[in-house]
Amino acid sequence: MSREQASISELLLSLDSSELQEAERVRAAVNQQLRGAVLSSVVEYYLDSSSSQALLLLSSIREPHHKVLLEKLNESVSRSGTRLGALTLLGHMIRKQLPWVHHISRSPLLLSLLRCLKTDSDVVVLITGVLVLVTLLPMIPQAGKQHINDFFDVFGRLASRSCRNPGHEPVAHLVHLHAGTYSLFHRLYGMFPCSFISYLRLHYSMKENLDTFQEVIKPMLEHVRVHPELITGTQDYELDPSRWRCYEVHDIVIECSRVSLDPLESSCEEDVYCSSSSLITPLPLTVLPHLDLTCSPPVTDAVSSSGE
């Protein structure tokens, strides 16, 4: 560890001091150096401590220093030991709609997020990751052209996982996973209806996927309107990056909510973008289509970041 890193590490230990003046002094001192190795140290401190003060510092990052942050997040998402903390931090950054968030679409971080959702077996990681993806998609709609099949693969895996429960997860975890999958369904149907319906038709016409269709997909389809783009649009058009040039993030969210027959789900969509300071949370359980969880053991504890 360099002398500079050692000095920053000592400063960070006082970042959450109960003495307000001391905490403010430390935050100001770190903020003056918030780039490069110092920025990486603050990320590591957050991953170790979930410090609200570290989060406040990281939320102040502006271009071009976001590149170091994205690289550090990518590195952390790629490691199993820091994955959940990194996804939680990424969720905070996205919810704040920081000006550089759109750069994620061309960053290795997006690939790492998708890889995690397609391969990780930890249900709490999957819940956190899918909610990050749902919130991120309206901010990077042009990524659909390159990654649409990855988005569909993620949806298919999570739908199957919430149906079959291979790890015999607690009911609370399954319900939260189903909520995240339901949110992803609405996002993909709202943004890419022609491509998504084509995927559903192809994937769930296979015999081995019929159970998942009946238990998970069909109830979701019963909670949406016929999307106008299914009549007037095409797959090529909806994946054309130029389509999104006149859309703001909130415009895309509103478009997604308009095709929902679920008023509570629609209001949750709007709330997600109205309060940038709150954490990403799953939809209320009342908005979820029916899911049979009787094969799982009962549990009363809510899902937590520790999985307990």
C-alpha atoms as a PDB file:
ATOM      1  CA  MET A   1       0.000   0.000   0.000  1.00  0.00           C
ATOM      2  CA  SER A   2       1.391   3.414  -0.975  1.00  0.00           C
ATOM      3  CA  ARG A   3       1.785   6.245   1.531  1.00  0.00           C
ATOM      4  CA  GLU A   4      -1.098   8.077  -0.187  1.00  0.00           C
ATOM      5  CA  GLN A   5      -3.389   5.038   0.081  1.00  0.00           C
ATOM      6  CA  ALA A   6      -2.434   4.554   3.743  1.00  0.00           C
ATOM      7  CA  SER A   7      -3.245   8.184   4.458  1.00  0.00           C
ATOM      8  CA  ILE A   8      -6.623   7.919   2.718  1.00  0.00           C
ATOM      9  CA  SER A   9      -7.418   4.668   4.553  1.00  0.00           C
ATOM     10  CA  GLU A  10      -6.810   6.428   7.865  1.00  0.00           C
ATOM     11  CA  LEU A  11      -9.031   9.316   6.800  1.00  0.00           C
ATOM     12  CA  LEU A  12     -11.836   6.996   5.742  1.00  0.00           C
ATOM     13  CA  LEU A  13     -11.923   5.403   9.192  1.00  0.00           C
ATOM     14  CA  SER A  14     -13.097   8.785  10.504  1.00  0.00           C
ATOM     15  CA  LEU A  15     -15.592   9.362   7.700  1.00  0.00           C
ATOM     16  CA  ASP A  16     -18.532   8.112   9.773  1.00  0.00           C
ATOM     17  CA  SER A  17     -17.413   9.764  12.992  1.00  0.00           C
ATOM     18  CA  SER A  18     -20.171  10.667  15.437  1.00  0.00           C
ATOM     19  CA  GLU A  19     -18.485  14.061  15.698  1.00  0.00           C
ATOM     20  CA  LEU A  20     -20.201  15.970  12.914  1.00  0.00           C
ATOM     21  CA  GLN A  21     -17.426  18.510  12.461  1.00  0.00           C
ATOM     22  CA  GLU A  22     -14.813  15.770  12.187  1.00  0.00           C
ATOM     23  CA  ALA A  23     -16.907  13.822   9.673  1.00  0.00           C
ATOM     24  CA  GLU A  24     -17.416  16.979   7.608  1.00  0.00           C
ATOM     25  CA  ARG A  25     -13.683  17.762   7.694  1.00  0.00           C
ATOM     26  CA  VAL A  26     -12.797  14.250   6.538  1.00  0.00           C
ATOM     27  CA  ARG A  27     -15.416  14.274   3.783  1.00  0.00           C
ATOM     28  CA  ALA A  28     -14.096  17.591   2.479  1.00  0.00           C
ATOM     29  CA  ALA A  29     -10.498  16.328   2.572  1.00  0.00           C
ATOM     30  CA  VAL A  30     -11.354  13.139   0.693  1.00  0.00           C
ATOM     31  CA  ASN A  31     -13.552  14.976  -1.795  1.00  0.00           C
ATOM     32  CA  GLN A  32     -10.623  17.175  -2.839  1.00  0.00           C
ATOM     33  CA  GLN A  33      -8.715  14.038  -3.894  1.00  0.00           C
ATOM     34  CA  LEU A  34     -11.637  11.999  -5.234  1.00  0.00           C
ATOM     35  CA  ARG A  35     -10.080  10.497  -8.343  1.00  0.00           C
ATOM     36  CA  GLY A  36      -7.871   7.594  -9.359  1.00  0.00           C
ATOM     37  CA  ALA A  37      -6.576   5.462  -6.478  1.00  0.00           C
ATOM     38  CA  VAL A  38      -8.401   7.554  -3.881  1.00  0.00           C
ATOM     39  CA  LEU A  39     -11.723   6.964  -5.619  1.00  0.00           C
ATOM     40  CA  SER A  40     -11.005   3.217  -5.698  1.00  0.00           C
ATOM     41  CA  SER A  41     -10.252   3.304  -1.968  1.00  0.00           C
ATOM     42  CA  VAL A  42     -13.589   4.988  -1.261  1.00  0.00           C
ATOM     43  CA  VAL A  43     -15.396   2.278  -3.272  1.00  0.00           C
ATOM     44  CA  GLU A  44     -13.589  -0.422  -1.282  1.00  0.00           C
ATOM     45  CA  TYR A  45     -14.488   1.335   1.955  1.00  0.00           C
ATOM     46  CA  TYR A  46     -18.153   1.413   0.924  1.00  0.00           C
ATOM     47  CA  LEU A  47     -18.086  -2.289   0.013  1.00  0.00           C
ATOM     48  CA  ASP A  48     -16.657  -3.091   3.450  1.00  0.00           C
ATOM     49  CA  SER A  49     -18.871  -0.771   5.484  1.00  0.00           C
ATOM     50  CA  SER A  50     -21.939   0.300   3.438  1.00  0.00           C
ATOM     51  CA  SER A  51     -21.041   3.777   4.691  1.00  0.00           C
ATOM     52  CA  SER A  52     -23.647   6.422   3.906  1.00  0.00           C
ATOM     53  CA  GLN A  53     -20.895   9.053   3.892  1.00  0.00           C
ATOM     54  CA  ALA A  54     -18.877   7.078   1.334  1.00  0.00           C
ATOM     55  CA  LEU A  55     -22.028   6.796  -0.769  1.00  0.00           C
ATOM     56  CA  LEU A  56     -22.488  10.560  -0.546  1.00  0.00           C
ATOM     57  CA  LEU A  57     -18.946  11.092  -1.811  1.00  0.00           C
ATOM     58  CA  LEU A  58     -19.315   8.615  -4.662  1.00  0.00           C
ATOM     59  CA  SER A  59     -22.597  10.223  -5.689  1.00  0.00           C
ATOM     60  CA  SER A  60     -20.710  13.457  -6.346  1.00  0.00           C
ATOM     61  CA  ILE A  61     -18.477  11.894  -9.020  1.00  0.00           C
ATOM     62  CA  ARG A  62     -18.559  13.724 -12.334  1.00  0.00           C
ATOM     63  CA  GLU A  63     -17.031  13.090 -15.734  1.00  0.00           C
ATOM     64  CA  PRO A  64     -14.332  12.077 -16.542  1.00  0.00           C
ATOM     65  CA  HIS A  65     -13.741  10.482 -13.127  1.00  0.00           C
ATOM     66  CA  HIS A  66     -16.746   8.203 -13.647  1.00  0.00           C
ATOM     67  CA  LYS A  67     -14.464   5.972 -15.737  1.00  0.00           C
ATOM     68  CA  VAL A  68     -12.500   4.904 -12.659  1.00  0.00           C
ATOM     69  CA  LEU A  69     -15.736   4.283 -10.773  1.00  0.00           C
ATOM     70  CA  LEU A  70     -17.165   2.117 -13.573  1.00  0.00           C
ATOM     71  CA  GLU A  71     -13.912   0.154 -13.797  1.00  0.00           C
ATOM     72  CA  LYS A  72     -13.902  -0.436 -10.043  1.00  0.00           C
ATOM     73  CA  LEU A  73     -17.568  -1.458 -10.057  1.00  0.00           C
ATOM     74  CA  ASN A  74     -16.930  -3.841 -12.941  1.00  0.00           C
ATOM     75  CA  GLU A  75     -14.032  -5.404 -11.064  1.00  0.00           C
ATOM     76  CA  SER A  76     -16.188  -5.760  -7.932  1.00  0.00           C
ATOM     77  CA  VAL A  77     -19.232  -7.202  -9.743  1.00  0.00           C
ATOM     78  CA  SER A  78     -16.916  -9.764 -11.348  1.00  0.00           C
ATOM     79  CA  ARG A  79     -15.816 -11.061  -7.919  1.00  0.00           C
ATOM     80  CA  SER A  80     -18.288 -13.158  -5.949  1.00  0.00           C
ATOM     81  CA  GLY A  81     -17.171 -11.759  -2.590  1.00  0.00           C
ATOM     82  CA  THR A  82     -17.932  -8.141  -3.492  1.00  0.00           C
ATOM     83  CA  ARG A  83     -20.709  -8.692  -6.046  1.00  0.00           C
ATOM     84  CA  LEU A  84     -23.722  -7.927  -3.873  1.00  0.00           C
ATOM     85  CA  GLY A  85     -22.198  -4.768  -2.412  1.00  0.00           C
ATOM     86  CA  ALA A  86     -21.144  -3.567  -5.859  1.00  0.00           C
ATOM     87  CA  LEU A  87     -24.626  -4.155  -7.282  1.00  0.00           C
ATOM     88  CA  THR A  88     -26.140  -2.271  -4.355  1.00  0.00           C
ATOM     89  CA  LEU A  89     -23.774   0.644  -4.964  1.00  0.00           C
ATOM     90  CA  LEU A  90     -24.537   0.564  -8.686  1.00  0.00           C
ATOM     91  CA  GLY A  91     -28.238   0.663  -7.852  1.00  0.00           C
ATOM     92  CA  HIS A  92     -27.724   3.812  -5.796  1.00  0.00           C
ATOM     93  CA  MET A  93     -25.789   5.477  -8.624  1.00  0.00           C
ATOM     94  CA  ILE A  94     -28.460   4.618 -11.182  1.00  0.00           C
ATOM     95  CA  ARG A  95     -31.349   5.762  -9.018  1.00  0.00           C
ATOM     96  CA  LYS A  96     -29.709   9.164  -8.664  1.00  0.00           C
ATOM     97  CA  GLN A  97     -29.655   9.415 -12.492  1.00  0.00           C
ATOM     98  CA  LEU A  98     -26.144  10.850 -12.492  1.00  0.00           C
ATOM     99  CA  PRO A  99     -25.173  12.506 -15.800  1.00  0.00           C
ATOM    100  CA  TRP A 100     -22.680   9.788 -16.762  1.00  0.00           C
ATOM    101  CA  VAL A 101     -24.973   6.778 -16.232  1.00  0.00           C
ATOM    102  CA  HIS A 102     -25.628   6.401 -19.974  1.00  0.00           C
ATOM    103  CA  HIS A 103     -21.954   5.479 -20.432  1.00  0.00           C
ATOM    104  CA  ILE A 104     -22.742   2.134 -18.778  1.00  0.00           C
ATOM    105  CA  SER A 105     -24.208   0.961 -22.096  1.00  0.00           C
ATOM    106  CA  ARG A 106     -20.690   0.941 -23.594  1.00  0.00           C
ATOM    107  CA  SER A 107     -18.920  -0.225 -20.466  1.00  0.00           C
ATOM    108  CA  PRO A 108     -17.762  -3.762 -19.556  1.00  0.00           C
ATOM    109  CA  LEU A 109     -19.866  -3.253 -16.422  1.00  0.00           C
ATOM    110  CA  LEU A 110     -23.066  -3.920 -18.375  1.00  0.00           C
ATOM    111  CA  LEU A 111     -21.665  -7.220 -19.643  1.00  0.00           C
ATOM    112  CA  SER A 112     -20.663  -8.183 -16.099  1.00  0.00           C
ATOM    113  CA  LEU A 113     -24.153  -7.354 -14.816  1.00  0.00           C
ATOM    114  CA  LEU A 114     -25.768  -9.495 -17.520  1.00  0.00           C
ATOM    115  CA  ARG A 115     -23.294 -12.333 -16.956  1.00  0.00           C
ATOM    116  CA  CYS A 116     -24.059 -12.264 -13.243  1.00  0.00           C
ATOM    117  CA  LEU A 117     -27.811 -12.477 -13.889  1.00  0.00           C
ATOM    118  CA  LYS A 118     -27.301 -15.389 -16.283  1.00  0.00           C
ATOM    119  CA  THR A 119     -24.977 -17.439 -14.078  1.00  0.00           C
ATOM    120  CA  ASP A 120     -25.080 -16.479 -10.380  1.00  0.00           C
ATOM    121  CA  SER A 121     -26.914 -18.848  -8.042  1.00  0.00           C
ATOM    122  CA  ASP A 122     -27.319 -16.487  -5.054  1.00  0.00           C
ATOM    123  CA  VAL A 123     -30.962 -15.431  -5.039  1.00  0.00           C
ATOM    124  CA  VAL A 124     -30.303 -12.142  -3.204  1.00  0.00           C
ATOM    125  CA  VAL A 125     -27.696 -11.230  -5.827  1.00  0.00           C
ATOM    126  CA  LEU A 126     -30.249 -12.050  -8.547  1.00  0.00           C
ATOM    127  CA  ILE A 127     -32.941  -9.929  -6.879  1.00  0.00           C
ATOM    128  CA  THR A 128     -30.591  -6.967  -6.546  1.00  0.00           C
ATOM    129  CA  GLY A 129     -29.191  -7.393 -10.053  1.00  0.00           C
ATOM    130  CA  VAL A 130     -32.531  -7.628 -11.834  1.00  0.00           C
ATOM    131  CA  LEU A 131     -33.846  -4.519 -10.097  1.00  0.00           C
ATOM    132  CA  VAL A 132     -30.691  -2.674 -11.161  1.00  0.00           C
ATOM    133  CA  LEU A 133     -31.306  -3.809 -14.751  1.00  0.00           C
ATOM    134  CA  VAL A 134     -34.982  -2.802 -14.672  1.00  0.00           C
ATOM    135  CA  THR A 135     -34.087   0.679 -13.446  1.00  0.00           C
ATOM    136  CA  LEU A 136     -31.163   1.033 -15.854  1.00  0.00           C
ATOM    137  CA  LEU A 137     -32.915   0.038 -19.098  1.00  0.00           C
ATOM    138  CA  PRO A 138     -34.835   3.318 -19.668  1.00  0.00           C
ATOM    139  CA  MET A 139     -31.512   5.152 -19.269  1.00  0.00           C
ATOM    140  CA  ILE A 140     -29.739   3.061 -21.923  1.00  0.00           C
ATOM    141  CA  PRO A 141     -32.527   2.106 -24.380  1.00  0.00           C
ATOM    142  CA  GLN A 142     -30.100   2.070 -27.305  1.00  0.00           C
ATOM    143  CA  ALA A 143     -28.352  -0.936 -25.716  1.00  0.00           C
ATOM    144  CA  GLY A 144     -31.260  -3.080 -26.917  1.00  0.00           C
ATOM    145  CA  LYS A 145     -29.777  -3.312 -30.412  1.00  0.00           C
ATOM    146  CA  GLN A 146     -26.690  -5.130 -29.130  1.00  0.00           C
ATOM    147  CA  HIS A 147     -27.957  -6.834 -25.985  1.00  0.00           C
ATOM    148  CA  ILE A 148     -31.632  -7.673 -26.599  1.00  0.00           C
ATOM    149  CA  ASN A 149     -30.977 -11.428 -26.593  1.00  0.00           C
ATOM    150  CA  ASP A 150     -29.032 -11.086 -23.340  1.00  0.00           C
ATOM    151  CA  PHE A 151     -31.995  -9.283 -21.769  1.00  0.00           C
ATOM    152  CA  PHE A 152     -34.298 -12.093 -22.893  1.00  0.00           C
ATOM    153  CA  ASP A 153     -31.917 -14.787 -21.627  1.00  0.00           C
ATOM    154  CA  VAL A 154     -31.900 -13.100 -18.224  1.00  0.00           C
ATOM    155  CA  PHE A 155     -35.696 -12.952 -18.162  1.00  0.00           C
ATOM    156  CA  GLY A 156     -36.022 -16.609 -19.181  1.00  0.00           C
ATOM    157  CA  ARG A 157     -33.596 -17.762 -16.516  1.00  0.00           C
ATOM    158  CA  LEU A 158     -35.244 -15.760 -13.735  1.00  0.00           C
ATOM    159  CA  ALA A 159     -38.737 -16.870 -14.761  1.00  0.00           C
ATOM    160  CA  SER A 160     -37.613 -20.491 -14.663  1.00  0.00           C
ATOM    161  CA  ARG A 161     -35.818 -19.966 -11.353  1.00  0.00           C
ATOM    162  CA  SER A 162     -38.830 -18.396  -9.662  1.00  0.00           C
ATOM    163  CA  CYS A 163     -40.963 -21.303 -10.870  1.00  0.00           C
ATOM    164  CA  ARG A 164     -38.740 -24.295 -10.116  1.00  0.00           C
ATOM    165  CA  ASN A 165     -36.849 -23.082  -7.030  1.00  0.00           C
ATOM    166  CA  PRO A 166     -33.884 -25.469  -7.464  1.00  0.00           C
ATOM    167  CA  GLY A 167     -32.171 -24.269  -4.298  1.00  0.00           C
ATOM    168  CA  HIS A 168     -35.275 -24.532  -2.090  1.00  0.00           C
ATOM    169  CA  GLU A 169     -35.042 -20.850  -1.231  1.00  0.00           C
ATOM    170  CA  PRO A 170     -37.190 -19.253   1.513  1.00  0.00           C
ATOM    171  CA  VAL A 171     -40.587 -18.050   0.317  1.00  0.00           C
ATOM    172  CA  ALA A 172     -39.696 -14.401   1.013  1.00  0.00           C
ATOM    173  CA  HIS A 173     -36.732 -14.637  -1.352  1.00  0.00           C
ATOM    174  CA  LEU A 174     -38.818 -16.290  -4.058  1.00  0.00           C
ATOM    175  CA  VAL A 175     -41.509 -13.627  -3.824  1.00  0.00           C
ATOM    176  CA  HIS A 176     -38.937 -10.857  -4.184  1.00  0.00           C
ATOM    177  CA  LEU A 177     -37.340 -12.656  -7.130  1.00  0.00           C
ATOM    178  CA  HIS A 178     -40.748 -13.042  -8.751  1.00  0.00           C
ATOM    179  CA  ALA A 179     -41.392  -9.327  -8.174  1.00  0.00           C
ATOM    180  CA  GLY A 180     -38.135  -8.458  -9.904  1.00  0.00           C
ATOM    181  CA  THR A 181     -38.928 -10.797 -12.795  1.00  0.00           C
ATOM    182  CA  TYR A 182     -42.388  -9.233 -13.102  1.00  0.00           C
ATOM    183  CA  SER A 183     -40.808  -5.769 -13.257  1.00  0.00           C
ATOM    184  CA  LEU A 184     -38.416  -6.941 -15.975  1.00  0.00           C
ATOM    185  CA  PHE A 185     -41.351  -8.402 -17.906  1.00  0.00           C
ATOM    186  CA  HIS A 186     -43.093  -5.010 -17.883  1.00  0.00           C
ATOM    187  CA  ARG A 187     -39.932  -3.194 -18.890  1.00  0.00           C
ATOM    188  CA  LEU A 188     -39.143  -5.501 -21.835  1.00  0.00           C
ATOM    189  CA  TYR A 189     -42.761  -5.587 -23.021  1.00  0.00           C
ATOM    190  CA  GLY A 190     -43.065  -1.821 -22.716  1.00  0.00           C
ATOM    191  CA  MET A 191     -39.814  -1.031 -24.538  1.00  0.00           C
ATOM    192  CA  PHE A 192     -39.386  -3.872 -27.043  1.00  0.00           C
ATOM    193  CA  PRO A 193     -42.851  -5.447 -27.526  1.00  0.00           C
ATOM    194  CA  CYS A 194     -42.372  -6.970 -30.995  1.00  0.00           C
ATOM    195  CA  SER A 195     -39.046  -8.570 -30.135  1.00  0.00           C
ATOM    196  CA  PHE A 196     -40.214  -9.687 -26.688  1.00  0.00           C
ATOM    197  CA  ILE A 197     -43.426 -11.321 -27.894  1.00  0.00           C
ATOM    198  CA  SER A 198     -41.443 -13.066 -30.632  1.00  0.00           C
ATOM    199  CA  TYR A 199     -39.065 -14.391 -27.967  1.00  0.00           C
ATOM    200  CA  LEU A 200     -41.905 -15.543 -25.707  1.00  0.00           C
ATOM    201  CA  ARG A 201     -43.621 -17.327 -28.592  1.00  0.00           C
ATOM    202  CA  LEU A 202     -40.432 -19.122 -29.628  1.00  0.00           C
ATOM    203  CA  HIS A 203     -39.140 -19.971 -26.156  1.00  0.00           C
ATOM    204  CA  TYR A 204     -42.355 -21.002 -24.435  1.00  0.00           C
ATOM    205  CA  SER A 205     -43.731 -23.066 -27.298  1.00  0.00           C
ATOM    206  CA  MET A 206     -41.049 -25.619 -26.388  1.00  0.00           C
ATOM    207  CA  LYS A 207     -42.419 -28.537 -24.401  1.00  0.00           C
ATOM    208  CA  GLU A 208     -39.818 -28.240 -21.646  1.00  0.00           C
ATOM    209  CA  ASN A 209     -40.882 -24.634 -20.954  1.00  0.00           C
ATOM    210  CA  LEU A 210     -44.663 -25.100 -20.866  1.00  0.00           C
ATOM    211  CA  ASP A 211     -44.843 -25.384 -17.077  1.00  0.00           C
ATOM    212  CA  THR A 212     -43.021 -22.081 -16.652  1.00  0.00           C
ATOM    213  CA  PHE A 213     -45.338 -20.483 -19.204  1.00  0.00           C
ATOM    214  CA  GLN A 214     -48.481 -21.649 -17.400  1.00  0.00           C
ATOM    215  CA  GLU A 215     -47.294 -20.733 -13.917  1.00  0.00           C
ATOM    216  CA  VAL A 216     -45.259 -17.567 -14.508  1.00  0.00           C
ATOM    217  CA  ILE A 217     -45.563 -16.087 -18.008  1.00  0.00           C
ATOM    218  CA  LYS A 218     -49.286 -16.461 -18.707  1.00  0.00           C
ATOM    219  CA  PRO A 219     -50.388 -14.623 -15.527  1.00  0.00           C
ATOM    220  CA  MET A 220     -48.037 -11.780 -16.451  1.00  0.00           C
ATOM    221  CA  LEU A 221     -49.486 -11.557 -19.959  1.00  0.00           C
ATOM    222  CA  GLU A 222     -52.938 -11.250 -18.415  1.00  0.00           C
ATOM    223  CA  HIS A 223     -51.823  -8.038 -16.683  1.00  0.00           C
ATOM    224  CA  VAL A 224     -50.906  -6.028 -19.803  1.00  0.00           C
ATOM    225  CA  ARG A 225     -52.785  -4.386 -22.671  1.00  0.00           C
ATOM    226  CA  VAL A 226     -52.117  -5.101 -26.325  1.00  0.00           C
ATOM    227  CA  HIS A 227     -49.141  -2.868 -27.094  1.00  0.00           C
ATOM    228  CA  PRO A 228     -49.865  -0.495 -30.030  1.00  0.00           C
ATOM    229  CA  GLU A 229     -46.400  -1.226 -31.457  1.00  0.00           C
ATOM    230  CA  LEU A 230     -47.468  -4.851 -31.969  1.00  0.00           C
ATOM    231  CA  ILE A 231     -49.754  -3.499 -34.693  1.00  0.00           C
ATOM    232  CA  THR A 232     -47.740  -0.654 -36.189  1.00  0.00           C
ATOM    233  CA  GLY A 233     -44.149  -1.423 -35.197  1.00  0.00           C
ATOM    234  CA  THR A 234     -41.424  -3.861 -36.214  1.00  0.00           C
ATOM    235  CA  GLN A 235     -38.506  -5.506 -34.451  1.00  0.00           C
ATOM    236  CA  ASP A 236     -36.024  -3.528 -36.536  1.00  0.00           C
ATOM    237  CA  TYR A 237     -37.672  -0.219 -35.688  1.00  0.00           C
ATOM    238  CA  GLU A 238     -37.888  -0.785 -31.943  1.00  0.00           C
ATOM    239  CA  LEU A 239     -34.200  -1.766 -31.806  1.00  0.00           C
ATOM    240  CA  ASP A 240     -33.041   1.215 -33.874  1.00  0.00           C
ATOM    241  CA  PRO A 241     -31.052   3.528 -31.544  1.00  0.00           C
ATOM    242  CA  SER A 242     -32.399   6.582 -33.400  1.00  0.00           C
ATOM    243  CA  ARG A 243     -35.896   5.725 -32.149  1.00  0.00           C
ATOM    244  CA  TRP A 244     -34.955   6.828 -28.643  1.00  0.00           C
ATOM    245  CA  ARG A 245     -33.401  10.211 -29.434  1.00  0.00           C
ATOM    246  CA  CYS A 246     -36.519  12.192 -28.554  1.00  0.00           C
ATOM    247  CA  TYR A 247     -37.248  10.204 -25.366  1.00  0.00           C
ATOM    248  CA  GLU A 248     -36.294  11.214 -21.845  1.00  0.00           C
ATOM    249  CA  VAL A 249     -36.027   8.540 -19.156  1.00  0.00           C
ATOM    250  CA  HIS A 250     -39.397   9.436 -17.650  1.00  0.00           C
ATOM    251  CA  ASP A 251     -41.032   9.243 -21.098  1.00  0.00           C
ATOM    252  CA  ILE A 252     -39.959   5.609 -21.447  1.00  0.00           C
ATOM    253  CA  VAL A 253     -41.147   4.779 -17.932  1.00  0.00           C
ATOM    254  CA  ILE A 254     -44.549   6.326 -18.654  1.00  0.00           C
ATOM    255  CA  GLU A 255     -44.816   4.396 -21.935  1.00  0.00           C
ATOM    256  CA  CYS A 256     -44.152   1.165 -20.031  1.00  0.00           C
ATOM    257  CA  SER A 257     -46.780   1.986 -17.406  1.00  0.00           C
ATOM    258  CA  ARG A 258     -49.427   2.755 -20.037  1.00  0.00           C
ATOM    259  CA  VAL A 259     -49.562  -0.841 -21.255  1.00  0.00           C
ATOM    260  CA  SER A 260     -50.050  -2.185 -17.734  1.00  0.00           C
ATOM    261  CA  LEU A 261     -53.497  -3.237 -16.520  1.00  0.00           C
ATOM    262  CA  ASP A 262     -52.120  -3.191 -12.989  1.00  0.00           C
ATOM    263  CA  PRO A 263     -52.672   0.296 -11.481  1.00  0.00           C
ATOM    264  CA  LEU A 264     -50.423  -0.419  -8.519  1.00  0.00           C
ATOM    265  CA  GLU A 265     -47.623  -1.573 -10.798  1.00  0.00           C
ATOM    266  CA  SER A 266     -47.985   1.612 -12.829  1.00  0.00           C
ATOM    267  CA  SER A 267     -47.771   3.808  -9.751  1.00  0.00           C
ATOM    268  CA  CYS A 268     -44.676   1.917  -8.615  1.00  0.00           C
ATOM    269  CA  GLU A 269     -43.077   2.618 -11.997  1.00  0.00           C
ATOM    270  CA  GLU A 270     -43.576   6.340 -11.479  1.00  0.00           C
ATOM    271  CA  ASP A 271     -42.389   6.237  -7.860  1.00  0.00           C
ATOM    272  CA  VAL A 272     -39.133   4.591  -8.915  1.00  0.00           C
ATOM    273  CA  TYR A 273     -38.154   7.754 -10.799  1.00  0.00           C
ATOM    274  CA  CYS A 274     -39.706  10.330  -8.500  1.00  0.00           C
ATOM    275  CA  SER A 275     -37.526   9.577  -5.471  1.00  0.00           C
ATOM    276  CA  SER A 276     -33.911   9.341  -6.496  1.00  0.00           C
ATOM    277  CA  SER A 277     -32.657   9.109  -2.923  1.00  0.00           C
ATOM    278  CA  SER A 278     -34.451   5.902  -1.970  1.00  0.00           C
ATOM    279  CA  LEU A 279     -33.198   2.385  -2.489  1.00  0.00           C
ATOM    280  CA  ILE A 280     -34.328   0.132  -5.302  1.00  0.00           C
ATOM    281  CA  THR A 281     -37.143  -1.994  -3.898  1.00  0.00           C
ATOM    282  CA  PRO A 282     -39.299  -4.774  -5.328  1.00  0.00           C
ATOM    283  CA  LEU A 283     -42.916  -4.137  -6.213  1.00  0.00           C
ATOM    284  CA  PRO A 284     -45.562  -4.557  -3.500  1.00  0.00           C
ATOM    285  CA  LEU A 285     -46.684  -8.164  -3.298  1.00  0.00           C
ATOM    286  CA  THR A 286     -50.279  -7.196  -4.119  1.00  0.00           C
ATOM    287  CA  VAL A 287     -49.357  -6.389  -7.712  1.00  0.00           C
ATOM    288  CA  LEU A 288     -47.855  -9.790  -8.472  1.00  0.00           C
ATOM    289  CA  PRO A 289     -49.607 -12.321 -10.677  1.00  0.00           C
ATOM    290  CA  HIS A 290     -50.359 -15.622  -8.971  1.00  0.00           C
ATOM    291  CA  LEU A 291     -47.351 -17.783  -8.174  1.00  0.00           C
ATOM    292  CA  ASP A 292     -47.706 -21.129  -6.404  1.00  0.00           C
ATOM    293  CA  LEU A 293     -45.209 -21.219  -3.553  1.00  0.00           C
ATOM    294  CA  THR A 294     -46.788 -24.051  -1.607  1.00  0.00           C
ATOM    295  CA  CYS A 295     -43.862 -26.374  -2.317  1.00  0.00           C
ATOM    296  CA  SER A 296     -41.502 -24.106  -0.366  1.00  0.00           C
ATOM    297  CA  PRO A 297     -41.146 -24.001   3.430  1.00  0.00           C
ATOM    298  CA  PRO A 298     -42.929 -21.100   5.152  1.00  0.00           C
ATOM    299  CA  VAL A 299     -40.849 -18.142   6.268  1.00  0.00           C
ATOM    300  CA  THR A 300     -41.798 -14.793   7.770  1.00  0.00           C
ATOM    301  CA  ASP A 301     -38.532 -12.862   7.542  1.00  0.00           C
ATOM    302  CA  ALA A 302     -38.204 -10.231   4.840  1.00  0.00           C
ATOM    303  CA  VAL A 303     -35.361 -10.488   2.385  1.00  0.00           C
ATOM    304  CA  SER A 304     -32.152  -8.746   3.411  1.00  0.00           C
ATOM    305  CA  SER A 305     -28.840  -8.044   1.746  1.00  0.00           C
ATOM    306  CA  SER A 306     -27.298 -10.807   3.830  1.00  0.00           C
ATOM    307  CA  GLY A 307     -29.901 -13.303   2.707  1.00  0.00           C
ATOM    308  CA  GLU A 308     -31.014 -13.898   6.296  1.00  0.00           C
END
